[in-house]
Amino acid sequence: MDWETVANVVLGGAALISVKKIIVSPETYDGSPQKFHKWWSKVKVWINTTHDTNTDQQKVAAVYLHLEGPCAGCFAQVHLDECMANDMWPTWAALQTEIEGSFLPGNNREWARSQLLCLHKGPHQHINDFLAQFQALKIQSKCPNEYTKDLLECAVSCRILEQVYMQGHVREV
């Protein structure tokens, strides 16, 4: 069953959702902080292009139906039940604030640090791409240089480190 059918059932068929198929419906969101920005950007574009003339109620139902998983799914179910029981739906602007407040990674510095901790250069990843990603996370995390040097040494293979040190490069990040 697609989201349009579910939304029409949720809304009691009183206000059938008619969607222009301009942009493909975004994937569902599972509550992962790493995926939030990309998912939320797609949802906002999708809502603004395919649901522009629809009511706030239809927009809100469409967004809630794209939330799944233990955290995001429960959030959506509680809010959908509340909206349907009270027949009071948030505005599109209020929903955006609520979704961002609930799922936007609150501390980007901590997120970047966690990404640095698990970052490793893959066997087919170009070293310059890896270093650009590492540098971006280093800046975002605001980690001390000594700490990031140690993380970088752990993230790349010993052969790469040997080549760097044999060439006499200074041990800087």
Protein backbone atom coordinates (compact mmCIF):
# COMPACT_ATOMS: atom_id res chain seq x y z
CA MET A 1 0.00 0.00 0.00
CA ASP A 2 1.52 3.34 -0.97
CA TRP A 3 1.51 6.45 1.23
CA GLU A 4 -1.30 8.11 -0.73
CA THR A 5 -3.67 5.24 -0.01
CA VAL A 6 -2.69 5.20 3.67
CA ALA A 7 -3.10 8.98 3.90
CA ASN A 8 -6.56 8.80 2.34
CA VAL A 9 -7.53 6.08 4.84
CA VAL A 10 -6.11 8.16 7.73
CA LEU A 11 -8.00 11.21 6.56
CA GLY A 12 -11.19 9.17 6.21
CA GLY A 13 -11.41 9.67 2.48
CA ALA A 14 -13.00 13.07 3.13
CA ALA A 15 -10.12 14.91 1.58
CA LEU A 16 -8.61 12.69 -1.06
CA ILE A 17 -5.02 13.49 -1.76
CA SER A 18 -4.35 14.08 -5.38
CA VAL A 19 -0.64 14.27 -6.00
CA LYS A 20 1.07 15.54 -9.10
CA LYS A 21 3.92 13.15 -9.89
CA ILE A 22 6.61 15.77 -10.40
CA ILE A 23 9.16 14.47 -7.93
CA VAL A 24 9.53 10.91 -6.71
CA SER A 25 8.35 10.34 -3.16
CA PRO A 26 11.37 10.36 -0.82
CA GLU A 27 12.39 7.26 1.07
CA THR A 28 11.20 6.81 4.63
CA TYR A 29 13.29 8.17 7.49
CA ASP A 30 14.44 5.72 10.15
CA GLY A 31 15.62 8.26 12.75
CA SER A 32 19.31 8.10 11.84
CA PRO A 33 20.99 11.48 12.57
CA GLN A 34 23.45 10.94 9.70
CA LYS A 35 20.63 10.70 7.18
CA PHE A 36 18.43 13.51 8.50
CA HIS A 37 19.73 16.47 6.45
CA LYS A 38 19.55 14.63 3.14
CA TRP A 39 16.11 13.14 3.89
CA TRP A 40 14.63 16.38 5.23
CA SER A 41 15.84 18.37 2.20
CA LYS A 42 14.21 15.86 -0.15
CA VAL A 43 10.95 15.87 1.83
CA LYS A 44 10.70 19.67 1.84
CA VAL A 45 11.28 19.84 -1.92
CA TRP A 46 8.81 17.01 -2.48
CA ILE A 47 6.14 18.65 -0.29
CA ASN A 48 6.63 22.08 -1.87
CA THR A 49 6.45 20.77 -5.42
CA THR A 50 3.86 18.01 -5.25
CA HIS A 51 1.71 19.21 -2.35
CA ASP A 52 1.80 22.96 -2.90
CA THR A 53 -1.97 23.38 -3.12
CA ASN A 54 -2.84 20.72 -0.53
CA THR A 55 -3.89 21.55 3.01
CA ASP A 56 -1.55 21.53 5.98
CA GLN A 57 -3.35 18.41 7.18
CA GLN A 58 -2.41 16.54 4.00
CA LYS A 59 1.18 17.78 4.13
CA VAL A 60 1.53 16.75 7.78
CA ALA A 61 0.03 13.31 7.12
CA ALA A 62 2.40 12.80 4.18
CA VAL A 63 5.45 13.65 6.31
CA TYR A 64 4.35 11.51 9.28
CA LEU A 65 3.83 8.57 6.94
CA HIS A 66 7.48 8.85 5.85
CA LEU A 67 8.77 8.27 9.38
CA GLU A 68 9.54 4.71 10.47
CA GLY A 69 11.72 2.79 12.88
CA PRO A 70 11.74 2.65 16.66
CA CYS A 71 12.24 6.36 17.31
CA ALA A 72 10.88 8.17 14.26
CA GLY A 73 8.04 5.69 13.77
CA CYS A 74 6.85 6.04 17.37
CA PHE A 75 7.10 9.82 17.07
CA ALA A 76 4.93 9.75 13.96
CA GLN A 77 2.40 7.31 15.41
CA VAL A 78 1.93 9.35 18.60
CA HIS A 79 1.52 12.59 16.66
CA LEU A 80 -0.80 11.05 14.06
CA ASP A 81 -3.00 9.57 16.81
CA GLU A 82 -3.07 12.90 18.62
CA CYS A 83 -3.93 14.84 15.46
CA MET A 84 -6.69 12.42 14.49
CA ALA A 85 -8.17 12.26 18.00
CA ASN A 86 -8.31 16.05 18.42
CA ASP A 87 -8.83 16.82 14.74
CA MET A 88 -6.17 19.49 15.16
CA TRP A 89 -3.26 19.39 12.75
CA PRO A 90 -0.13 21.55 12.93
CA THR A 91 0.61 24.04 10.19
CA TRP A 92 3.33 23.20 7.69
CA ALA A 93 5.63 25.77 9.37
CA ALA A 94 4.94 24.33 12.84
CA LEU A 95 5.60 20.81 11.58
CA GLN A 96 8.94 21.85 10.09
CA THR A 97 9.99 23.35 13.44
CA GLU A 98 8.82 20.26 15.31
CA ILE A 99 10.57 17.79 12.99
CA GLU A 100 13.82 19.77 13.02
CA GLY A 101 13.68 20.13 16.80
CA SER A 102 13.14 16.40 17.23
CA PHE A 103 15.49 14.92 14.65
CA LEU A 104 18.09 17.53 13.67
CA PRO A 105 21.40 16.48 15.20
CA GLY A 106 21.59 18.83 18.17
CA ASN A 107 25.32 18.96 18.38
CA ASN A 108 27.12 18.82 15.05
CA ARG A 109 30.47 18.91 16.83
CA GLU A 110 29.72 15.67 18.67
CA TRP A 111 28.39 14.07 15.50
CA ALA A 112 31.59 15.00 13.62
CA ARG A 113 33.71 13.56 16.45
CA SER A 114 31.80 10.30 16.32
CA GLN A 115 32.31 10.19 12.54
CA LEU A 116 36.05 10.80 12.97
CA LEU A 117 36.29 7.91 15.42
CA CYS A 118 34.88 5.38 12.96
CA LEU A 119 36.35 6.85 9.76
CA HIS A 120 38.76 4.58 7.87
CA LYS A 121 40.22 4.83 4.40
CA GLY A 122 38.68 2.18 2.22
CA PRO A 123 40.78 0.06 -0.14
CA HIS A 124 39.30 1.67 -3.26
CA GLN A 125 38.96 5.19 -1.89
CA HIS A 126 41.36 7.75 -3.32
CA ILE A 127 43.61 9.20 -0.61
CA ASN A 128 42.76 12.80 -1.56
CA ASP A 129 39.03 12.11 -1.18
CA PHE A 130 39.63 10.51 2.20
CA LEU A 131 41.81 13.40 3.38
CA ALA A 132 39.24 15.97 2.26
CA GLN A 133 36.53 14.12 4.22
CA PHE A 134 38.82 13.81 7.24
CA GLN A 135 39.76 17.50 7.13
CA ALA A 136 36.11 18.57 6.91
CA LEU A 137 35.21 16.44 9.93
CA LYS A 138 38.27 17.71 11.81
CA ILE A 139 37.21 21.33 11.28
CA GLN A 140 33.59 20.60 12.19
CA SER A 141 34.54 18.63 15.32
CA LYS A 142 37.07 21.22 16.52
CA CYS A 143 39.22 18.39 17.87
CA PRO A 144 42.75 19.26 19.03
CA ASN A 145 45.49 18.68 16.47
CA GLU A 146 47.32 15.99 18.47
CA TYR A 147 44.13 13.99 18.85
CA THR A 148 43.29 14.21 15.15
CA LYS A 149 46.84 13.20 14.22
CA ASP A 150 46.39 10.03 16.25
CA LEU A 151 42.99 9.40 14.68
CA LEU A 152 44.41 9.90 11.19
CA GLU A 153 47.22 7.44 11.89
CA CYS A 154 44.65 4.87 12.99
CA ALA A 155 42.42 5.54 9.97
CA VAL A 156 44.97 4.89 7.21
CA SER A 157 47.03 1.81 6.46
CA CYS A 158 50.55 1.37 7.75
CA ARG A 159 51.93 1.42 4.19
CA ILE A 160 50.57 4.91 3.59
CA LEU A 161 52.03 6.13 6.88
CA GLU A 162 55.42 4.61 6.04
CA GLN A 163 55.47 6.39 2.68
CA VAL A 164 54.52 9.70 4.28
CA TYR A 165 57.21 9.43 6.95
CA MET A 166 59.85 8.15 4.49
CA GLN A 167 59.27 11.23 2.34
CA GLY A 168 60.01 13.35 5.39
CA HIS A 169 56.63 15.04 5.70
CA VAL A 170 56.04 16.82 8.96
CA ARG A 171 53.59 15.02 11.19
CA GLU A 172 50.77 17.55 10.87
CA VAL A 173 47.11 17.19 10.08
